[in-house]
């Protein structure tokens, strides 16, 4: 069965869908970051970790957040190029 080529309009619609999914992924990652930071504050208040360790852990959480958001952006860019390729 032959499948017709995508029209430019349909390609643009698919790019919008991919961008929406990427943004949902970014929001999910930020939610996890917020939850992790809240947990770190809680255990620091309970006295289980020092303020310095909490600060280091916050940096680690932020670094992981940045890493995974960059991966989402990289995949988004690749998928956009793929969809616009004729």
PDB file of N, CA and C in Angstrom:
ATOM      1  N   UNK A   1       0.862  -1.172   0.000  1.00  0.00           N
ATOM      2  CA  UNK A   1       0.000   0.000   0.000  1.00  0.00           C
ATOM      3  C   UNK A   1       0.902   1.228   0.000  1.00  0.00           C
ATOM      4  N   UNK A   2       0.658   2.099  -0.929  1.00  0.00           N
ATOM      5  CA  UNK A   2       1.435   3.334  -1.010  1.00  0.00           C
ATOM      6  C   UNK A   2       0.925   4.367  -0.026  1.00  0.00           C
ATOM      7  N   UNK A   3       1.848   5.015   0.630  1.00  0.00           N
ATOM      8  CA  UNK A   3       1.491   6.060   1.592  1.00  0.00           C
ATOM      9  C   UNK A   3       1.875   7.397   0.979  1.00  0.00           C
ATOM     10  N   UNK A   4       0.922   8.330   0.865  1.00  0.00           N
ATOM     11  CA  UNK A   4       1.244   9.614   0.246  1.00  0.00           C
ATOM     12  C   UNK A   4       2.198  10.439   1.128  1.00  0.00           C
ATOM     13  N   UNK A   5       2.954  11.306   0.477  1.00  0.00           N
ATOM     14  CA  UNK A   5       3.862  12.195   1.198  1.00  0.00           C
ATOM     15  C   UNK A   5       3.060  13.153   2.077  1.00  0.00           C
ATOM     16  N   UNK A   6       3.683  13.588   3.179  1.00  0.00           N
ATOM     17  CA  UNK A   6       3.040  14.555   4.056  1.00  0.00           C
ATOM     18  C   UNK A   6       3.019  15.927   3.389  1.00  0.00           C
ATOM     19  N   UNK A   7       1.930  16.638   3.593  1.00  0.00           N
ATOM     20  CA  UNK A   7       1.876  18.014   3.096  1.00  0.00           C
ATOM     21  C   UNK A   7       2.628  18.915   4.067  1.00  0.00           C
ATOM     22  N   UNK A   8       2.989  20.094   3.602  1.00  0.00           N
ATOM     23  CA  UNK A   8       3.701  21.032   4.468  1.00  0.00           C
ATOM     24  C   UNK A   8       2.838  21.415   5.664  1.00  0.00           C
ATOM     25  N   UNK A   9       1.554  21.557   5.442  1.00  0.00           N
ATOM     26  CA  UNK A   9       0.642  21.905   6.531  1.00  0.00           C
ATOM     27  C   UNK A   9       0.634  20.810   7.606  1.00  0.00           C
ATOM     28  N   UNK A  10       0.587  19.575   7.178  1.00  0.00           N
ATOM     29  CA  UNK A  10       0.587  18.445   8.127  1.00  0.00           C
ATOM     30  C   UNK A  10       1.922  18.361   8.859  1.00  0.00           C
ATOM     31  N   UNK A  11       3.011  18.635   8.146  1.00  0.00           N
ATOM     32  CA  UNK A  11       4.326  18.649   8.788  1.00  0.00           C
ATOM     33  C   UNK A  11       4.372  19.710   9.891  1.00  0.00           C
ATOM     34  N   UNK A  12       3.838  20.891   9.591  1.00  0.00           N
ATOM     35  CA  UNK A  12       3.807  21.969  10.587  1.00  0.00           C
ATOM     36  C   UNK A  12       2.974  21.571  11.794  1.00  0.00           C
ATOM     37  N   UNK A  13       1.854  20.894  11.557  1.00  0.00           N
ATOM     38  CA  UNK A  13       1.016  20.418  12.660  1.00  0.00           C
ATOM     39  C   UNK A  13       1.773  19.411  13.529  1.00  0.00           C
ATOM     40  N   UNK A  14       2.511  18.518  12.881  1.00  0.00           N
ATOM     41  CA  UNK A  14       3.280  17.524  13.630  1.00  0.00           C
ATOM     42  C   UNK A  14       4.401  18.178  14.431  1.00  0.00           C
ATOM     43  N   UNK A  15       5.009  19.219  13.887  1.00  0.00           N
ATOM     44  CA  UNK A  15       6.050  19.949  14.624  1.00  0.00           C
ATOM     45  C   UNK A  15       5.441  20.579  15.878  1.00  0.00           C
ATOM     46  N   UNK A  16       4.237  21.133  15.752  1.00  0.00           N
ATOM     47  CA  UNK A  16       3.561  21.720  16.910  1.00  0.00           C
ATOM     48  C   UNK A  16       3.313  20.657  17.984  1.00  0.00           C
ATOM     49  N   UNK A  17       2.900  19.478  17.562  1.00  0.00           N
ATOM     50  CA  UNK A  17       2.649  18.382  18.507  1.00  0.00           C
ATOM     51  C   UNK A  17       3.951  17.993  19.208  1.00  0.00           C
ATOM     52  N   UNK A  18       5.026  17.896  18.454  1.00  0.00           N
ATOM     53  CA  UNK A  18       6.318  17.519  19.035  1.00  0.00           C
ATOM     54  C   UNK A  18       6.789  18.586  20.025  1.00  0.00           C
ATOM     55  N   UNK A  19       6.604  19.850  19.675  1.00  0.00           N
ATOM     56  CA  UNK A  19       6.997  20.942  20.588  1.00  0.00           C
ATOM     57  C   UNK A  19       6.184  20.892  21.875  1.00  0.00           C
ATOM     58  N   UNK A  20       4.902  20.580  21.745  1.00  0.00           N
ATOM     59  CA  UNK A  20       4.045  20.476  22.932  1.00  0.00           C
ATOM     60  C   UNK A  20       4.525  19.334  23.831  1.00  0.00           C
ATOM     61  N   UNK A  21       4.848  18.203  23.234  1.00  0.00           N
ATOM     62  CA  UNK A  21       5.346  17.064  24.015  1.00  0.00           C
ATOM     63  C   UNK A  21       6.675  17.392  24.685  1.00  0.00           C
ATOM     64  N   UNK A  22       7.538  18.117  23.984  1.00  0.00           N
ATOM     65  CA  UNK A  22       8.823  18.516  24.561  1.00  0.00           C
ATOM     66  C   UNK A  22       8.603  19.438  25.758  1.00  0.00           C
ATOM     67  N   UNK A  23       7.674  20.367  25.627  1.00  0.00           N
ATOM     68  CA  UNK A  23       7.404  21.286  26.743  1.00  0.00           C
ATOM     69  C   UNK A  23       6.825  20.523  27.938  1.00  0.00           C
ATOM     70  N   UNK A  24       5.971  19.539  27.680  1.00  0.00           N
ATOM     71  CA  UNK A  24       5.440  18.720  28.770  1.00  0.00           C
ATOM     72  C   UNK A  24       6.570  17.966  29.473  1.00  0.00           C
ATOM     73  N   UNK A  25       7.533  17.500  28.699  1.00  0.00           N
ATOM     74  CA  UNK A  25       8.694  16.831  29.280  1.00  0.00           C
ATOM     75  C   UNK A  25       9.510  17.772  30.150  1.00  0.00           C
ATOM     76  N   UNK A  26       9.719  19.002  29.665  1.00  0.00           N
ATOM     77  CA  UNK A  26      10.462  19.998  30.458  1.00  0.00           C
ATOM     78  C   UNK A  26       9.735  20.309  31.767  1.00  0.00           C
ATOM     79  N   UNK A  27       8.424  20.459  31.680  1.00  0.00           N
ATOM     80  CA  UNK A  27       7.637  20.756  32.884  1.00  0.00           C
ATOM     81  C   UNK A  27       7.746  19.604  33.876  1.00  0.00           C
ATOM     82  N   UNK A  28       7.700  18.375  33.384  1.00  0.00           N
ATOM     83  CA  UNK A  28       7.827  17.213  34.260  1.00  0.00           C
ATOM     84  C   UNK A  28       9.183  17.199  34.962  1.00  0.00           C
ATOM     85  N   UNK A  29      10.223  17.513  34.220  1.00  0.00           N
ATOM     86  CA  UNK A  29      11.562  17.541  34.813  1.00  0.00           C
ATOM     87  C   UNK A  29      11.644  18.632  35.873  1.00  0.00           C
ATOM     88  N   UNK A  30      11.066  19.781  35.588  1.00  0.00           N
ATOM     89  CA  UNK A  30      11.085  20.872  36.580  1.00  0.00           C
ATOM     90  C   UNK A  30      10.283  20.509  37.830  1.00  0.00           C
ATOM     91  N   UNK A  31       9.213  19.760  37.644  1.00  0.00           N
ATOM     92  CA  UNK A  31       8.417  19.310  38.792  1.00  0.00           C
ATOM     93  C   UNK A  31       9.234  18.374  39.673  1.00  0.00           C
ATOM     94  N   UNK A  32       9.964  17.473  39.050  1.00  0.00           N
ATOM     95  CA  UNK A  32      10.821  16.559  39.804  1.00  0.00           C
ATOM     96  C   UNK A  32      11.897  17.353  40.537  1.00  0.00           C
ATOM     97  N   UNK A  33      12.453  18.371  39.875  1.00  0.00           N
ATOM     98  CA  UNK A  33      13.465  19.220  40.523  1.00  0.00           C
ATOM     99  C   UNK A  33      12.878  19.903  41.757  1.00  0.00           C
ATOM    100  N   UNK A  34      11.682  20.458  41.614  1.00  0.00           N
ATOM    101  CA  UNK A  34      11.045  21.134  42.744  1.00  0.00           C
ATOM    102  C   UNK A  34      10.810  20.155  43.897  1.00  0.00           C
ATOM    103  N   UNK A  35      10.318  18.962  43.574  1.00  0.00           N
ATOM    104  CA  UNK A  35      10.073  17.958  44.607  1.00  0.00           C
ATOM    105  C   UNK A  35      11.378  17.552  45.301  1.00  0.00           C
ATOM    106  N   UNK A  36      12.441  17.384  44.517  1.00  0.00           N
ATOM    107  CA  UNK A  36      13.738  17.007  45.092  1.00  0.00           C
ATOM    108  C   UNK A  36      14.254  18.113  46.005  1.00  0.00           C
ATOM    109  N   UNK A  37      14.140  19.354  45.565  1.00  0.00           N
ATOM    110  CA  UNK A  37      14.605  20.469  46.398  1.00  0.00           C
ATOM    111  C   UNK A  37      13.783  20.592  47.678  1.00  0.00           C
ATOM    112  N   UNK A  38      12.482  20.370  47.589  1.00  0.00           N
ATOM    113  CA  UNK A  38      11.636  20.394  48.781  1.00  0.00           C
ATOM    114  C   UNK A  38      12.051  19.293  49.755  1.00  0.00           C
ATOM    115  N   UNK A  39      12.335  18.124  49.211  1.00  0.00           N
ATOM    116  CA  UNK A  39      12.774  17.004  50.053  1.00  0.00           C
ATOM    117  C   UNK A  39      14.111  17.327  50.729  1.00  0.00           C
ATOM    118  N   UNK A  40      15.018  17.936  49.978  1.00  0.00           N
ATOM    119  CA  UNK A  40      16.312  18.313  50.555  1.00  0.00           C
ATOM    120  C   UNK A  40      16.143  19.322  51.693  1.00  0.00           C
ATOM    121  N   UNK A  41      15.263  20.298  51.496  1.00  0.00           N
ATOM    122  CA  UNK A  41      15.011  21.287  52.554  1.00  0.00           C
ATOM    123  C   UNK A  41      14.437  20.615  53.804  1.00  0.00           C
ATOM    124  N   UNK A  42      13.543  19.653  53.578  1.00  0.00           N
ATOM    125  CA  UNK A  42      12.912  18.953  54.693  1.00  0.00           C
ATOM    126  C   UNK A  42      13.948  18.176  55.501  1.00  0.00           C
ATOM    127  N   UNK A  43      14.808  17.408  54.812  1.00  0.00           N
ATOM    128  CA  UNK A  43      15.776  16.609  55.576  1.00  0.00           C
ATOM    129  C   UNK A  43      16.868  17.486  56.187  1.00  0.00           C
ATOM    130  N   UNK A  44      17.096  18.653  55.608  1.00  0.00           N
ATOM    131  CA  UNK A  44      18.059  19.574  56.216  1.00  0.00           C
ATOM    132  C   UNK A  44      17.481  20.158  57.503  1.00  0.00           C
ATOM    133  N   UNK A  45      16.191  20.480  57.481  1.00  0.00           N
ATOM    134  CA  UNK A  45      15.535  21.006  58.683  1.00  0.00           C
ATOM    135  C   UNK A  45      15.490  19.964  59.794  1.00  0.00           C
ATOM    136  N   UNK A  46      15.363  18.690  59.395  1.00  0.00           N
ATOM    137  CA  UNK A  46      15.346  17.611  60.376  1.00  0.00           C
ATOM    138  C   UNK A  46      16.739  17.323  60.933  1.00  0.00           C
ATOM    139  N   UNK A  47      17.759  17.922  60.320  1.00  0.00           N
ATOM    140  CA  UNK A  47      19.114  17.755  60.814  1.00  0.00           C
ATOM    141  C   UNK A  47      19.845  16.545  60.267  1.00  0.00           C
ATOM    142  N   UNK A  48      19.331  15.940  59.205  1.00  0.00           N
ATOM    143  CA  UNK A  48      19.968  14.756  58.634  1.00  0.00           C
ATOM    144  C   UNK A  48      21.152  15.093  57.733  1.00  0.00           C
ATOM    145  N   UNK A  49      21.135  16.299  57.150  1.00  0.00           N
ATOM    146  CA  UNK A  49      22.272  16.740  56.338  1.00  0.00           C
ATOM    147  C   UNK A  49      22.625  18.175  56.708  1.00  0.00           C
ATOM    148  N   UNK A  50      23.863  18.535  56.447  1.00  0.00           N
ATOM    149  CA  UNK A  50      24.306  19.895  56.764  1.00  0.00           C
ATOM    150  C   UNK A  50      23.864  20.855  55.656  1.00  0.00           C
ATOM    151  N   UNK A  51      23.986  22.137  55.950  1.00  0.00           N
ATOM    152  CA  UNK A  51      23.612  23.160  54.975  1.00  0.00           C
ATOM    153  C   UNK A  51      24.525  23.087  53.745  1.00  0.00           C
ATOM    154  N   UNK A  52      25.801  22.822  53.964  1.00  0.00           N
ATOM    155  CA  UNK A  52      26.740  22.688  52.845  1.00  0.00           C
ATOM    156  C   UNK A  52      26.370  21.512  51.954  1.00  0.00           C
ATOM    157  N   UNK A  53      26.032  20.385  52.572  1.00  0.00           N
ATOM    158  CA  UNK A  53      25.625  19.213  51.784  1.00  0.00           C
ATOM    159  C   UNK A  53      24.335  19.489  51.021  1.00  0.00           C
ATOM    160  N   UNK A  54      23.422  20.231  51.645  1.00  0.00           N
ATOM    161  CA  UNK A  54      22.175  20.565  50.973  1.00  0.00           C
ATOM    162  C   UNK A  54      22.471  21.464  49.766  1.00  0.00           C
ATOM    163  N   UNK A  55      23.371  22.416  49.947  1.00  0.00           N
ATOM    164  CA  UNK A  55      23.731  23.312  48.845  1.00  0.00           C
ATOM    165  C   UNK A  55      24.345  22.517  47.687  1.00  0.00           C
ATOM    166  N   UNK A  56      25.235  21.582  48.012  1.00  0.00           N
ATOM    167  CA  UNK A  56      25.847  20.737  46.985  1.00  0.00           C
ATOM    168  C   UNK A  56      24.794  19.879  46.277  1.00  0.00           C
ATOM    169  N   UNK A  57      23.855  19.360  47.054  1.00  0.00           N
ATOM    170  CA  UNK A  57      22.796  18.530  46.474  1.00  0.00           C
ATOM    171  C   UNK A  57      21.900  19.361  45.554  1.00  0.00           C
ATOM    172  N   UNK A  58      21.621  20.613  45.949  1.00  0.00           N
ATOM    173  CA  UNK A  58      20.835  21.498  45.085  1.00  0.00           C
ATOM    174  C   UNK A  58      21.557  21.713  43.752  1.00  0.00           C
ATOM    175  N   UNK A  59      22.865  21.894  43.811  1.00  0.00           N
ATOM    176  CA  UNK A  59      23.643  22.061  42.579  1.00  0.00           C
ATOM    177  C   UNK A  59      23.559  20.810  41.710  1.00  0.00           C
ATOM    178  N   UNK A  60      23.668  19.643  42.334  1.00  0.00           N
ATOM    179  CA  UNK A  60      23.578  18.378  41.599  1.00  0.00           C
ATOM    180  C   UNK A  60      22.214  18.229  40.927  1.00  0.00           C
ATOM    181  N   UNK A  61      21.167  18.564  41.660  1.00  0.00           N
ATOM    182  CA  UNK A  61      19.807  18.475  41.113  1.00  0.00           C
ATOM    183  C   UNK A  61      19.671  19.429  39.929  1.00  0.00           C
ATOM    184  N   UNK A  62      20.201  20.647  40.067  1.00  0.00           N
ATOM    185  CA  UNK A  62      20.114  21.620  38.974  1.00  0.00           C
ATOM    186  C   UNK A  62      20.912  21.157  37.758  1.00  0.00           C
ATOM    187  N   UNK A  63      22.083  20.586  37.996  1.00  0.00           N
ATOM    188  CA  UNK A  63      22.892  20.081  36.885  1.00  0.00           C
ATOM    189  C   UNK A  63      22.176  18.961  36.131  1.00  0.00           C
ATOM    190  N   UNK A  64      21.538  18.049  36.874  1.00  0.00           N
ATOM    191  CA  UNK A  64      20.784  16.977  36.230  1.00  0.00           C
ATOM    192  C   UNK A  64      19.596  17.545  35.452  1.00  0.00           C
ATOM    193  N   UNK A  65      18.934  18.537  36.032  1.00  0.00           N
ATOM    194  CA  UNK A  65      17.804  19.180  35.360  1.00  0.00           C
ATOM    195  C   UNK A  65      18.259  19.794  34.043  1.00  0.00           C
ATOM    196  N   UNK A  66      19.354  20.536  34.093  1.00  0.00           N
ATOM    197  CA  UNK A  66      19.877  21.175  32.882  1.00  0.00           C
ATOM    198  C   UNK A  66      20.258  20.134  31.828  1.00  0.00           C
ATOM    199  N   UNK A  67      20.864  19.040  32.273  1.00  0.00           N
ATOM    200  CA  UNK A  67      21.301  17.980  31.356  1.00  0.00           C
ATOM    201  C   UNK A  67      20.105  17.374  30.611  1.00  0.00           C
ATOM    202  N   UNK A  68      19.055  17.043  31.347  1.00  0.00           N
ATOM    203  CA  UNK A  68      17.917  16.377  30.718  1.00  0.00           C
ATOM    204  C   UNK A  68      17.069  17.332  29.881  1.00  0.00           C
ATOM    205  N   UNK A  69      17.010  18.579  30.271  1.00  0.00           N
ATOM    206  CA  UNK A  69      16.305  19.561  29.444  1.00  0.00           C
ATOM    207  C   UNK A  69      17.076  19.768  28.143  1.00  0.00           C
ATOM    208  N   UNK A  70      18.406  19.786  28.217  1.00  0.00           N
ATOM    209  CA  UNK A  70      19.217  19.904  27.001  1.00  0.00           C
ATOM    210  C   UNK A  70      18.999  18.701  26.086  1.00  0.00           C
ATOM    211  N   UNK A  71      18.863  17.515  26.660  1.00  0.00           N
ATOM    212  CA  UNK A  71      18.590  16.322  25.852  1.00  0.00           C
ATOM    213  C   UNK A  71      17.244  16.434  25.146  1.00  0.00           C
ATOM    214  N   UNK A  72      16.244  16.923  25.852  1.00  0.00           N
ATOM    215  CA  UNK A  72      14.925  17.115  25.234  1.00  0.00           C
ATOM    216  C   UNK A  72      15.041  18.099  24.084  1.00  0.00           C
ATOM    217  N   UNK A  73      15.773  19.202  24.297  1.00  0.00           N
ATOM    218  CA  UNK A  73      15.944  20.196  23.237  1.00  0.00           C
ATOM    219  C   UNK A  73      16.658  19.598  22.025  1.00  0.00           C
ATOM    220  N   UNK A  74      17.663  18.751  22.285  1.00  0.00           N
ATOM    221  CA  UNK A  74      18.406  18.111  21.192  1.00  0.00           C
ATOM    222  C   UNK A  74      17.481  17.187  20.391  1.00  0.00           C
ATOM    223  N   UNK A  75      16.682  16.387  21.082  1.00  0.00           N
ATOM    224  CA  UNK A  75      15.756  15.488  20.402  1.00  0.00           C
ATOM    225  C   UNK A  75      14.686  16.276  19.642  1.00  0.00           C
ATOM    226  N   UNK A  76      14.227  17.367  20.219  1.00  0.00           N
ATOM    227  CA  UNK A  76      13.232  18.208  19.558  1.00  0.00           C
ATOM    228  C   UNK A  76      13.794  18.767  18.258  1.00  0.00           C
ATOM    229  N   UNK A  77      15.008  19.271  18.300  1.00  0.00           N
ATOM    230  CA  UNK A  77      15.630  19.824  17.102  1.00  0.00           C
ATOM    231  C   UNK A  77      15.784  18.756  16.012  1.00  0.00           C
ATOM    232  N   UNK A  78      16.225  17.572  16.418  1.00  0.00           N
ATOM    233  CA  UNK A  78      16.398  16.477  15.446  1.00  0.00           C
ATOM    234  C   UNK A  78      15.051  16.081  14.829  1.00  0.00           C
ATOM    235  N   UNK A  79      14.021  16.016  15.640  1.00  0.00           N
ATOM    236  CA  UNK A  79      12.704  15.616  15.136  1.00  0.00           C
ATOM    237  C   UNK A  79      12.137  16.690  14.209  1.00  0.00           C
ATOM    238  N   UNK A  80      12.354  17.961  14.539  1.00  0.00           N
ATOM    239  CA  UNK A  80      11.894  19.042  13.649  1.00  0.00           C
ATOM    240  C   UNK A  80      12.566  18.940  12.287  1.00  0.00           C
ATOM    241  N   UNK A  81      13.887  18.706  12.288  1.00  0.00           N
ATOM    242  CA  UNK A  81      14.608  18.563  11.022  1.00  0.00           C
ATOM    243  C   UNK A  81      14.065  17.371  10.232  1.00  0.00           C
ATOM    244  N   UNK A  82      13.812  16.278  10.937  1.00  0.00           N
ATOM    245  CA  UNK A  82      13.291  15.085  10.273  1.00  0.00           C
ATOM    246  C   UNK A  82      11.930  15.342   9.650  1.00  0.00           C
ATOM    247  N   UNK A  83      11.071  16.058  10.370  1.00  0.00           N
ATOM    248  CA  UNK A  83       9.735  16.329   9.846  1.00  0.00           C
ATOM    249  C   UNK A  83       9.743  17.304   8.673  1.00  0.00           C
ATOM    250  N   UNK A  84      10.685  18.245   8.668  1.00  0.00           N
ATOM    251  CA  UNK A  84      10.747  19.214   7.578  1.00  0.00           C
ATOM    252  C   UNK A  84      11.519  18.695   6.369  1.00  0.00           C
ATOM    253  N   UNK A  85      12.174  17.557   6.549  1.00  0.00           N
ATOM    254  CA  UNK A  85      12.920  16.960   5.443  1.00  0.00           C
ATOM    255  C   UNK A  85      11.929  16.415   4.407  1.00  0.00           C
ATOM    256  N   UNK A  86      12.143  16.767   3.178  1.00  0.00           N
ATOM    257  CA  UNK A  86      11.202  16.346   2.125  1.00  0.00           C
ATOM    258  C   UNK A  86      11.756  15.143   1.386  1.00  0.00           C
TER     259      UNK A  86
END
